[in-house]
Amino acid sequence: MLCLADAIVAQSGSIATFGKLFDALARKKPGAVSCPIGVLNIDGFFDPLFELLKKSMEADFTLQRPFAMQQSGRTPGELFEKMNKKD
């Protein structure tokens, strides 16, 4: 299903939400998932997760590349604006 998506957006949810987000990030490589990945971070819900990922990168357990492949925003408008930007 991920390969058919126009975009992937994670919002506040349960452990299944984290699983699906990590699955999308792990598959975000040429040929697997090419659509943008976004995190709707309302009220800072995902801030602790971002801190955990940052610590994992600092300890050289996680590559920065997968984490850098996602966009985050605190409102839907902010998130979609970032996701629509062409680099």
Protein backbone atom coordinates (compact mmCIF):
# COMPACT_ATOMS: atom_id res chain seq x y z
CA MET A 1 0.00 0.00 0.00
CA LEU A 2 2.83 2.41 0.76
CA CYS A 3 4.09 2.26 -2.82
CA LEU A 4 0.67 3.42 -4.08
CA ALA A 5 0.38 6.46 -1.78
CA ASP A 6 0.68 10.07 -2.97
CA ALA A 7 1.84 11.05 0.53
CA ILE A 8 2.15 9.51 3.99
CA VAL A 9 1.05 11.54 7.00
CA ALA A 10 1.34 10.36 10.60
CA GLN A 11 -0.77 12.02 13.27
CA SER A 12 -1.21 11.43 17.00
CA GLY A 13 -2.07 7.80 17.66
CA SER A 14 -1.12 4.51 19.23
CA ILE A 15 1.89 2.25 18.93
CA ALA A 16 0.57 1.14 15.54
CA THR A 17 1.02 4.73 14.31
CA PHE A 18 4.71 4.63 15.28
CA GLY A 19 5.10 1.24 13.59
CA LYS A 20 3.64 2.49 10.33
CA LEU A 21 5.75 5.67 10.46
CA PHE A 22 8.96 3.70 11.01
CA ASP A 23 7.97 1.24 8.27
CA ALA A 24 7.52 4.13 5.83
CA LEU A 25 10.85 5.71 6.83
CA ALA A 26 12.65 2.36 6.50
CA ARG A 27 11.21 1.90 3.01
CA LYS A 28 11.98 5.48 1.93
CA LYS A 29 14.69 4.60 -0.52
CA PRO A 30 14.83 4.59 -4.30
CA GLY A 31 12.27 2.18 -5.70
CA ALA A 32 10.43 1.43 -2.45
CA VAL A 33 8.55 4.55 -1.28
CA SER A 34 8.95 7.72 -3.29
CA CYS A 35 6.15 9.85 -1.85
CA PRO A 36 6.72 12.50 0.83
CA ILE A 37 6.39 11.50 4.49
CA GLY A 38 4.92 13.97 6.96
CA VAL A 39 4.34 14.05 10.70
CA LEU A 40 1.48 16.17 11.99
CA ASN A 41 2.97 17.19 15.33
CA ILE A 42 -0.04 18.82 17.01
CA ASP A 43 0.74 20.12 20.52
CA GLY A 44 4.23 18.59 20.26
CA PHE A 45 2.89 15.02 20.44
CA PHE A 46 5.87 13.64 18.50
CA ASP A 47 8.54 15.79 20.21
CA PRO A 48 9.64 12.95 22.57
CA LEU A 49 9.94 10.60 19.58
CA PHE A 50 12.05 13.16 17.70
CA GLU A 51 14.31 13.49 20.78
CA LEU A 52 14.68 9.70 20.96
CA LEU A 53 15.64 9.55 17.29
CA LYS A 54 18.10 12.43 17.79
CA LYS A 55 19.79 10.54 20.66
CA SER A 56 19.91 7.40 18.55
CA MET A 57 21.64 9.32 15.76
CA GLU A 58 24.10 10.93 18.19
CA ALA A 59 24.99 7.46 19.47
CA ASP A 60 25.50 6.29 15.86
CA PHE A 61 22.69 3.71 16.09
CA THR A 62 20.51 5.45 13.49
CA LEU A 63 21.55 7.05 10.26
CA GLN A 64 20.43 10.64 9.84
CA ARG A 65 19.20 10.03 6.31
CA PRO A 66 15.88 8.28 7.14
CA PHE A 67 15.04 10.87 9.79
CA ALA A 68 15.83 13.72 7.41
CA MET A 69 13.47 12.29 4.79
CA GLN A 70 10.34 13.29 6.71
CA GLN A 71 8.74 16.69 7.23
CA SER A 72 6.88 17.83 10.32
CA GLY A 73 4.45 20.60 11.06
CA ARG A 74 2.28 21.66 13.98
CA THR A 75 -0.73 22.41 11.77
CA PRO A 76 -2.00 20.66 8.64
CA GLY A 77 -1.32 23.81 6.59
CA GLU A 78 2.27 24.08 7.80
CA LEU A 79 2.91 20.40 7.17
CA PHE A 80 1.42 20.34 3.68
CA GLU A 81 3.31 23.51 2.73
CA LYS A 82 6.59 21.84 3.71
CA MET A 83 5.66 18.60 1.96
CA ASN A 84 4.81 20.42 -1.28
CA LYS A 85 8.12 22.30 -1.48
CA LYS A 86 10.35 21.14 -4.28
CA ASP A 87 14.04 20.98 -3.36
